[in-house]
C-alpha atoms as a PDB file:
ATOM      1  CA  MET A   1      -3.371 -21.279  20.833  1.00  0.00           C
ATOM      2  CA  SER A   2      -2.722 -24.667  19.210  1.00  0.00           C
ATOM      3  CA  SER A   3      -0.435 -24.903  16.141  1.00  0.00           C
ATOM      4  CA  ALA A   4      -2.796 -27.511  14.572  1.00  0.00           C
ATOM      5  CA  ALA A   5      -5.750 -25.323  14.755  1.00  0.00           C
ATOM      6  CA  VAL A   6      -4.198 -22.463  13.016  1.00  0.00           C
ATOM      7  CA  PRO A   7      -4.391 -22.752   9.328  1.00  0.00           C
ATOM      8  CA  ILE A   8      -1.081 -20.993   8.573  1.00  0.00           C
ATOM      9  CA  ASP A   9      -1.297 -20.874   4.804  1.00  0.00           C
ATOM     10  CA  PRO A  10      -3.238 -17.924   4.196  1.00  0.00           C
ATOM     11  CA  SER A  11      -4.233 -19.594   1.242  1.00  0.00           C
ATOM     12  CA  ALA A  12      -1.803 -21.195  -1.243  1.00  0.00           C
ATOM     13  CA  SER A  13      -4.000 -19.800  -4.033  1.00  0.00           C
ATOM     14  CA  ARG A  14      -3.102 -16.060  -2.844  1.00  0.00           C
ATOM     15  CA  ALA A  15       0.598 -17.158  -2.901  1.00  0.00           C
ATOM     16  CA  ARG A  16       0.225 -18.345  -6.530  1.00  0.00           C
ATOM     17  CA  ARG A  17      -1.457 -15.233  -7.540  1.00  0.00           C
ATOM     18  CA  LEU A  18       1.386 -12.653  -6.062  1.00  0.00           C
ATOM     19  CA  ALA A  19       1.658 -10.545  -9.297  1.00  0.00           C
ATOM     20  CA  THR A  20       1.010  -6.962  -7.990  1.00  0.00           C
ATOM     21  CA  ARG A  21       1.356  -5.010  -4.892  1.00  0.00           C
ATOM     22  CA  ALA A  22      -2.120  -5.323  -4.086  1.00  0.00           C
ATOM     23  CA  ASP A  23      -1.659  -9.056  -4.021  1.00  0.00           C
ATOM     24  CA  LEU A  24       1.420  -8.852  -1.637  1.00  0.00           C
ATOM     25  CA  THR A  25      -0.759  -6.877   0.638  1.00  0.00           C
ATOM     26  CA  GLY A  26      -3.765  -9.203   0.360  1.00  0.00           C
ATOM     27  CA  TYR A  27      -1.261 -12.220   1.080  1.00  0.00           C
ATOM     28  CA  LEU A  28       0.306 -10.462   4.279  1.00  0.00           C
ATOM     29  CA  THR A  29      -3.158  -9.354   5.670  1.00  0.00           C
ATOM     30  CA  ALA A  30      -4.593 -12.804   5.219  1.00  0.00           C
ATOM     31  CA  LEU A  31      -1.178 -14.204   7.003  1.00  0.00           C
ATOM     32  CA  CYS A  32      -1.818 -12.029   9.711  1.00  0.00           C
ATOM     33  CA  GLN A  33      -5.352 -13.114  10.025  1.00  0.00           C
ATOM     34  CA  ALA A  34      -4.524 -16.513  10.248  1.00  0.00           C
ATOM     35  CA  LEU A  35      -1.879 -15.969  12.866  1.00  0.00           C
ATOM     36  CA  GLY A  36      -4.085 -13.814  15.003  1.00  0.00           C
ATOM     37  CA  ALA A  37      -1.385 -10.775  14.429  1.00  0.00           C
ATOM     38  CA  ASP A  38      -2.653  -7.300  14.393  1.00  0.00           C
ATOM     39  CA  SER A  39       0.097  -5.830  12.387  1.00  0.00           C
ATOM     40  CA  TYR A  40       2.594  -6.554   9.767  1.00  0.00           C
ATOM     41  CA  MET A  41       5.531  -4.660   8.349  1.00  0.00           C
ATOM     42  CA  LEU A  42       7.745  -6.120   5.295  1.00  0.00           C
ATOM     43  CA  VAL A  43      11.106  -4.447   5.152  1.00  0.00           C
ATOM     44  CA  ALA A  44      13.890  -4.236   2.657  1.00  0.00           C
ATOM     45  CA  ILE A  45      17.335  -3.231   3.758  1.00  0.00           C
ATOM     46  CA  LEU A  46      19.244  -1.551   0.899  1.00  0.00           C
ATOM     47  CA  HIS A  47      22.873  -1.094   0.951  1.00  0.00           C
ATOM     48  CA  ASP A  48      25.101   0.861  -1.336  1.00  0.00           C
ATOM     49  CA  GLN A  49      28.546   2.617  -0.908  1.00  0.00           C
ATOM     50  CA  ARG A  50      27.235   5.491   0.756  1.00  0.00           C
ATOM     51  CA  ARG A  51      24.417   4.367   2.954  1.00  0.00           C
ATOM     52  CA  SER A  52      22.051   1.855   4.101  1.00  0.00           C
ATOM     53  CA  ASP A  53      18.353   2.510   3.568  1.00  0.00           C
ATOM     54  CA  VAL A  54      15.108   1.027   4.826  1.00  0.00           C
ATOM     55  CA  ARG A  55      12.446   0.614   2.316  1.00  0.00           C
ATOM     56  CA  ILE A  56       9.034  -0.391   3.571  1.00  0.00           C
ATOM     57  CA  VAL A  57       7.779  -2.741   1.043  1.00  0.00           C
ATOM     58  CA  ALA A  58       4.418  -3.534   2.396  1.00  0.00           C
ATOM     59  CA  SER A  59       2.858  -2.510   5.816  1.00  0.00           C
ATOM     60  CA  ASN A  60      -0.391  -1.750   7.610  1.00  0.00           C
ATOM     61  CA  TRP A  61       1.098  -0.049  10.291  1.00  0.00           C
ATOM     62  CA  ILE A  62      -0.900   3.492  10.986  1.00  0.00           C
ATOM     63  CA  TYR A  63       0.843   6.456   9.717  1.00  0.00           C
ATOM     64  CA  ASP A  64       1.759   7.943  13.037  1.00  0.00           C
ATOM     65  CA  ALA A  65       3.501   4.707  14.211  1.00  0.00           C
ATOM     66  CA  THR A  66       5.690   4.934  11.092  1.00  0.00           C
ATOM     67  CA  LEU A  67       6.493   8.518  11.693  1.00  0.00           C
ATOM     68  CA  LEU A  68       7.208   8.394  15.570  1.00  0.00           C
ATOM     69  CA  VAL A  69       9.185   5.222  15.573  1.00  0.00           C
ATOM     70  CA  GLY A  70      11.280   6.536  12.518  1.00  0.00           C
ATOM     71  CA  HIS A  71      12.952   4.599  10.048  1.00  0.00           C
ATOM     72  CA  HIS A  72      16.292   3.953  12.011  1.00  0.00           C
ATOM     73  CA  ARG A  73      14.387   2.403  14.812  1.00  0.00           C
ATOM     74  CA  ILE A  74      12.435   0.042  12.351  1.00  0.00           C
ATOM     75  CA  ALA A  75      15.986  -0.955  10.805  1.00  0.00           C
ATOM     76  CA  MET A  76      17.193  -1.779  14.489  1.00  0.00           C
ATOM     77  CA  LEU A  77      13.911  -3.891  14.971  1.00  0.00           C
ATOM     78  CA  ALA A  78      14.405  -5.832  11.947  1.00  0.00           C
ATOM     79  CA  GLU A  79      18.010  -6.499  12.362  1.00  0.00           C
ATOM     80  CA  SER A  80      18.153  -6.901  16.150  1.00  0.00           C
ATOM     81  CA  ALA A  81      19.548 -10.131  17.716  1.00  0.00           C
ATOM     82  CA  GLN A  82      16.167 -11.215  18.144  1.00  0.00           C
ATOM     83  CA  ALA A  83      15.400 -11.152  14.371  1.00  0.00           C
ATOM     84  CA  ALA A  84      14.871 -15.011  13.755  1.00  0.00           C
ATOM     85  CA  ALA A  85      16.713 -16.737  10.932  1.00  0.00           C
ATOM     86  CA  LEU A  86      14.608 -19.504   8.819  1.00  0.00           C
ATOM     87  CA  GLY A  87      14.244 -22.758  10.961  1.00  0.00           C
ATOM     88  CA  PHE A  88      15.041 -21.198  14.313  1.00  0.00           C
ATOM     89  CA  ARG A  89      12.330 -20.631  17.194  1.00  0.00           C
ATOM     90  CA  PRO A  90      11.407 -16.833  17.187  1.00  0.00           C
ATOM     91  CA  GLU A  91      11.361 -15.072  20.544  1.00  0.00           C
ATOM     92  CA  PRO A  92       9.150 -12.073  20.528  1.00  0.00           C
ATOM     93  CA  LEU A  93      10.420  -8.451  21.661  1.00  0.00           C
ATOM     94  CA  VAL A  94       7.814  -7.250  24.390  1.00  0.00           C
ATOM     95  CA  THR A  95       7.906  -3.505  24.130  1.00  0.00           C
ATOM     96  CA  ARG A  96       6.033  -3.220  27.633  1.00  0.00           C
ATOM     97  CA  ALA A  97       9.212  -4.381  28.958  1.00  0.00           C
ATOM     98  CA  ALA A  98      11.356  -1.870  27.384  1.00  0.00           C
ATOM     99  CA  PRO A  99      13.797  -4.408  26.131  1.00  0.00           C
ATOM    100  CA  ALA A 100      17.731  -3.577  25.596  1.00  0.00           C
ATOM    101  CA  GLY A 101      18.287  -1.801  22.619  1.00  0.00           C
ATOM    102  CA  LEU A 102      14.959   0.010  22.478  1.00  0.00           C
ATOM    103  CA  GLY A 103      14.638   3.312  24.128  1.00  0.00           C
ATOM    104  CA  GLY A 104      12.344   3.620  26.892  1.00  0.00           C
ATOM    105  CA  GLU A 105      10.218   6.340  24.808  1.00  0.00           C
ATOM    106  CA  ASP A 106      10.302   4.276  21.583  1.00  0.00           C
ATOM    107  CA  ALA A 107       9.178   1.223  23.417  1.00  0.00           C
ATOM    108  CA  ARG A 108       6.113   3.364  25.232  1.00  0.00           C
ATOM    109  CA  ILE A 109       5.120   4.759  21.665  1.00  0.00           C
ATOM    110  CA  LEU A 110       5.193   1.290  19.898  1.00  0.00           C
ATOM    111  CA  ASP A 111       3.073  -0.131  23.059  1.00  0.00           C
ATOM    112  CA  ILE A 112       0.612   2.616  22.896  1.00  0.00           C
ATOM    113  CA  LEU A 113       0.293   2.251  18.975  1.00  0.00           C
ATOM    114  CA  GLY A 114      -0.725  -1.260  19.535  1.00  0.00           C
ATOM    115  CA  HIS A 115       2.784  -3.093  18.956  1.00  0.00           C
ATOM    116  CA  SER A 116       3.061  -4.544  22.499  1.00  0.00           C
ATOM    117  CA  GLU A 117       4.578  -7.765  21.122  1.00  0.00           C
ATOM    118  CA  ILE A 118       6.680  -7.770  17.964  1.00  0.00           C
ATOM    119  CA  TYR A 119       8.451 -10.903  16.298  1.00  0.00           C
ATOM    120  CA  ALA A 120      11.227  -9.903  13.824  1.00  0.00           C
ATOM    121  CA  LEU A 121      11.786 -12.600  11.207  1.00  0.00           C
ATOM    122  CA  ARG A 122      14.531 -12.769   8.534  1.00  0.00           C
ATOM    123  CA  LEU A 123      13.331 -13.798   4.891  1.00  0.00           C
ATOM    124  CA  ASN A 124      15.348 -15.562   2.492  1.00  0.00           C
ATOM    125  CA  VAL A 125      14.267 -14.075  -0.848  1.00  0.00           C
ATOM    126  CA  GLY A 126      17.096 -13.992  -3.419  1.00  0.00           C
ATOM    127  CA  ARG A 127      19.906 -11.929  -2.811  1.00  0.00           C
ATOM    128  CA  GLN A 128      18.076  -9.078  -1.203  1.00  0.00           C
ATOM    129  CA  ARG A 129      17.658  -8.720   2.760  1.00  0.00           C
ATOM    130  CA  TYR A 130      14.160  -8.547   3.716  1.00  0.00           C
ATOM    131  CA  PHE A 131      12.390  -8.804   7.350  1.00  0.00           C
ATOM    132  CA  LEU A 132       9.021  -9.088   8.345  1.00  0.00           C
ATOM    133  CA  LEU A 133       7.723  -7.724  11.454  1.00  0.00           C
ATOM    134  CA  LEU A 134       4.693  -9.277  12.909  1.00  0.00           C
ATOM    135  CA  SER A 135       2.995  -7.601  15.932  1.00  0.00           C
ATOM    136  CA  SER A 136      -0.037  -7.700  18.416  1.00  0.00           C
ATOM    137  CA  GLU A 137      -1.698  -5.431  20.694  1.00  0.00           C
ATOM    138  CA  GLU A 138      -1.252  -7.907  23.482  1.00  0.00           C
ATOM    139  CA  PRO A 139       1.837  -9.937  24.644  1.00  0.00           C
ATOM    140  CA  GLY A 140       1.244 -13.836  24.399  1.00  0.00           C
ATOM    141  CA  ILE A 141      -1.622 -13.847  21.572  1.00  0.00           C
ATOM    142  CA  LEU A 142       1.098 -15.189  18.799  1.00  0.00           C
ATOM    143  CA  ASP A 143       1.958 -18.768  19.130  1.00  0.00           C
ATOM    144  CA  PRO A 144       5.971 -19.008  18.232  1.00  0.00           C
ATOM    145  CA  HIS A 145       5.484 -22.518  16.319  1.00  0.00           C
ATOM    146  CA  ASP A 146       2.825 -20.790  14.369  1.00  0.00           C
ATOM    147  CA  VAL A 147       5.067 -17.855  13.699  1.00  0.00           C
ATOM    148  CA  MET A 148       7.967 -19.973  12.603  1.00  0.00           C
ATOM    149  CA  ARG A 149       5.770 -22.004  10.189  1.00  0.00           C
ATOM    150  CA  ALA A 150       4.307 -18.770   8.755  1.00  0.00           C
ATOM    151  CA  GLN A 151       7.905 -17.514   8.221  1.00  0.00           C
ATOM    152  CA  MET A 152       8.723 -20.659   6.156  1.00  0.00           C
ATOM    153  CA  ARG A 153       5.511 -20.252   4.117  1.00  0.00           C
ATOM    154  CA  CYS A 154       6.229 -16.599   3.695  1.00  0.00           C
ATOM    155  CA  CYS A 155       9.881 -17.131   2.446  1.00  0.00           C
ATOM    156  CA  TYR A 156       8.361 -19.852  -0.254  1.00  0.00           C
ATOM    157  CA  ALA A 157       5.556 -17.533  -1.370  1.00  0.00           C
ATOM    158  CA  LEU A 158       7.798 -14.433  -1.533  1.00  0.00           C
ATOM    159  CA  GLY A 159      10.425 -16.500  -3.202  1.00  0.00           C
ATOM    160  CA  GLN A 160       8.501 -16.682  -6.435  1.00  0.00           C
ATOM    161  CA  VAL A 161       8.005 -13.211  -6.971  1.00  0.00           C
ATOM    162  CA  PRO A 162      11.855 -11.730  -6.355  1.00  0.00           C
ATOM    163  CA  GLU A 163      10.993  -9.092  -9.134  1.00  0.00           C
ATOM    164  CA  LEU A 164       8.009  -7.778  -7.539  1.00  0.00           C
ATOM    165  CA  LEU A 165       9.537  -7.136  -4.289  1.00  0.00           C
ATOM    166  CA  ALA A 166      12.864  -5.719  -5.754  1.00  0.00           C
ATOM    167  CA  ALA A 167      10.808  -3.344  -7.770  1.00  0.00           C
ATOM    168  CA  THR A 168       8.486  -2.253  -4.946  1.00  0.00           C
ATOM    169  CA  ALA A 169      11.583  -1.963  -2.675  1.00  0.00           C
ATOM    170  CA  GLN A 170      13.556   0.260  -5.140  1.00  0.00           C
ATOM    171  CA  GLN A 171      10.720   2.449  -5.922  1.00  0.00           C
ATOM    172  CA  ASP A 172      11.595   6.016  -5.855  1.00  0.00           C
ATOM    173  CA  PRO A 173      10.072   8.404  -8.252  1.00  0.00           C
ATOM    174  CA  LEU A 174      11.297  11.599  -6.890  1.00  0.00           C
ATOM    175  CA  SER A 175      14.056  13.582  -8.190  1.00  0.00           C
ATOM    176  CA  ASP A 176      16.898  14.589  -5.664  1.00  0.00           C
ATOM    177  CA  ARG A 177      15.521  18.287  -5.541  1.00  0.00           C
ATOM    178  CA  GLU A 178      11.927  16.865  -5.316  1.00  0.00           C
ATOM    179  CA  ARG A 179      12.961  14.704  -2.576  1.00  0.00           C
ATOM    180  CA  GLU A 180      14.809  17.273  -0.588  1.00  0.00           C
ATOM    181  CA  CYS A 181      11.837  19.848  -0.749  1.00  0.00           C
ATOM    182  CA  LEU A 182       9.453  17.230   0.367  1.00  0.00           C
ATOM    183  CA  TYR A 183      11.657  16.114   3.307  1.00  0.00           C
ATOM    184  CA  TRP A 184      11.705  20.089   4.556  1.00  0.00           C
ATOM    185  CA  VAL A 185       7.839  20.217   4.083  1.00  0.00           C
ATOM    186  CA  SER A 186       7.908  17.019   6.564  1.00  0.00           C
ATOM    187  CA  GLU A 187       9.877  19.084   8.950  1.00  0.00           C
ATOM    188  CA  GLY A 188       7.124  21.670   8.905  1.00  0.00           C
ATOM    189  CA  LYS A 189       8.887  24.302   6.766  1.00  0.00           C
ATOM    190  CA  THR A 190       7.155  26.702   4.629  1.00  0.00           C
ATOM    191  CA  SER A 191       7.643  27.202   0.707  1.00  0.00           C
ATOM    192  CA  ASP A 192       9.734  30.522   1.613  1.00  0.00           C
ATOM    193  CA  GLU A 193      11.485  28.721   4.389  1.00  0.00           C
ATOM    194  CA  ILE A 194      12.593  25.974   2.176  1.00  0.00           C
ATOM    195  CA  ALA A 195      13.599  28.561  -0.570  1.00  0.00           C
ATOM    196  CA  LEU A 196      16.079  30.202   1.923  1.00  0.00           C
ATOM    197  CA  ILE A 197      17.562  26.821   2.775  1.00  0.00           C
ATOM    198  CA  LEU A 198      18.146  25.700  -0.652  1.00  0.00           C
ATOM    199  CA  GLY A 199      18.827  29.092  -2.146  1.00  0.00           C
ATOM    200  CA  VAL A 200      15.997  28.839  -4.783  1.00  0.00           C
ATOM    201  CA  SER A 201      12.779  31.012  -5.288  1.00  0.00           C
ATOM    202  CA  GLY A 202       9.645  29.866  -3.567  1.00  0.00           C
ATOM    203  CA  ASN A 203       7.858  29.411  -7.030  1.00  0.00           C
ATOM    204  CA  THR A 204      10.753  26.713  -7.739  1.00  0.00           C
ATOM    205  CA  VAL A 205       9.963  24.732  -4.136  1.00  0.00           C
ATOM    206  CA  ASN A 206       6.266  24.912  -5.091  1.00  0.00           C
ATOM    207  CA  THR A 207       6.940  23.212  -8.355  1.00  0.00           C
ATOM    208  CA  TYR A 208       9.163  20.625  -6.856  1.00  0.00           C
ATOM    209  CA  VAL A 209       6.461  19.874  -4.223  1.00  0.00           C
ATOM    210  CA  ASN A 210       3.743  19.778  -6.812  1.00  0.00           C
ATOM    211  CA  HIS A 211       5.870  17.197  -8.776  1.00  0.00           C
ATOM    212  CA  ALA A 212       6.121  14.799  -6.025  1.00  0.00           C
ATOM    213  CA  ILE A 213       2.306  15.355  -5.181  1.00  0.00           C
ATOM    214  CA  GLN A 214       1.570  14.160  -8.847  1.00  0.00           C
ATOM    215  CA  LYS A 215       4.116  11.437  -8.719  1.00  0.00           C
ATOM    216  CA  PHE A 216       2.511   9.902  -5.424  1.00  0.00           C
ATOM    217  CA  SER A 217      -1.020  10.622  -6.791  1.00  0.00           C
ATOM    218  CA  ALA A 218      -1.620  12.648  -3.798  1.00  0.00           C
ATOM    219  CA  SER A 219      -4.267  15.125  -3.113  1.00  0.00           C
ATOM    220  CA  ASN A 220      -2.009  17.407  -0.833  1.00  0.00           C
ATOM    221  CA  ARG A 221       1.382  17.892   0.733  1.00  0.00           C
ATOM    222  CA  ALA A 222       0.350  16.135   3.894  1.00  0.00           C
ATOM    223  CA  GLU A 223      -0.608  12.963   1.795  1.00  0.00           C
ATOM    224  CA  ALA A 224       2.587  13.092  -0.413  1.00  0.00           C
ATOM    225  CA  VAL A 225       4.730  13.354   2.845  1.00  0.00           C
ATOM    226  CA  ALA A 226       2.709  10.472   4.395  1.00  0.00           C
ATOM    227  CA  THR A 227       3.315   8.211   1.212  1.00  0.00           C
ATOM    228  CA  ALA A 228       7.229   9.212   0.932  1.00  0.00           C
ATOM    229  CA  ILE A 229       7.574   8.418   4.665  1.00  0.00           C
ATOM    230  CA  ARG A 230       5.733   5.019   4.469  1.00  0.00           C
ATOM    231  CA  ASN A 231       7.930   4.027   1.503  1.00  0.00           C
ATOM    232  CA  GLY A 232      11.345   5.014   3.278  1.00  0.00           C
ATOM    233  CA  ILE A 233      12.011   7.801   0.501  1.00  0.00           C
ATOM    234  CA  ILE A 234      12.331  10.601   3.090  1.00  0.00           C
END
């Protein structure tokens, strides 16, 4: 694919209109279309004194991919040695080759789910650490020069809205108890089993879970769990 033939500005007008999370999704979707990529994931790595958290700021990965790969492995992809800094030629991670640092089963899952080739890009946006994962179903589809140019444009566009990114990355509406209950729901536990684990009543567990469902504007437990996992909350 010729770099000259690829319009790697998914429209400057979109970048100028980045005011909401929907705008961010539209911008990254257009970026993928311009490159010929199938999927994107914008990740923030948050650090405090106790731990480091992965927050998925925006993504079009299917739920199964996020769930099966897990946030720990997503962090490893983002912070791998192949994650390209700005101005350096990016090198793809080809999951079919089961690269070093990525377990064979994890690589196979990524490949099956349509992430056969992944570019990990470091983004300079204020003081927060952001990474953009771009992937395609077939290796060799993406041109490294186009990817490098897209990384520069993306840094510029996102650098105009650091508050939007920070607010999205930090977004966690759940209380500690709500998060804990939703985590055990994601592990397949019933309300009665969660009640035994936490030493509370089943009604109390249901109340916490229902609060989480309402805060995520979800229709049921499964949807609330999916939203929490997608956003790195559990």
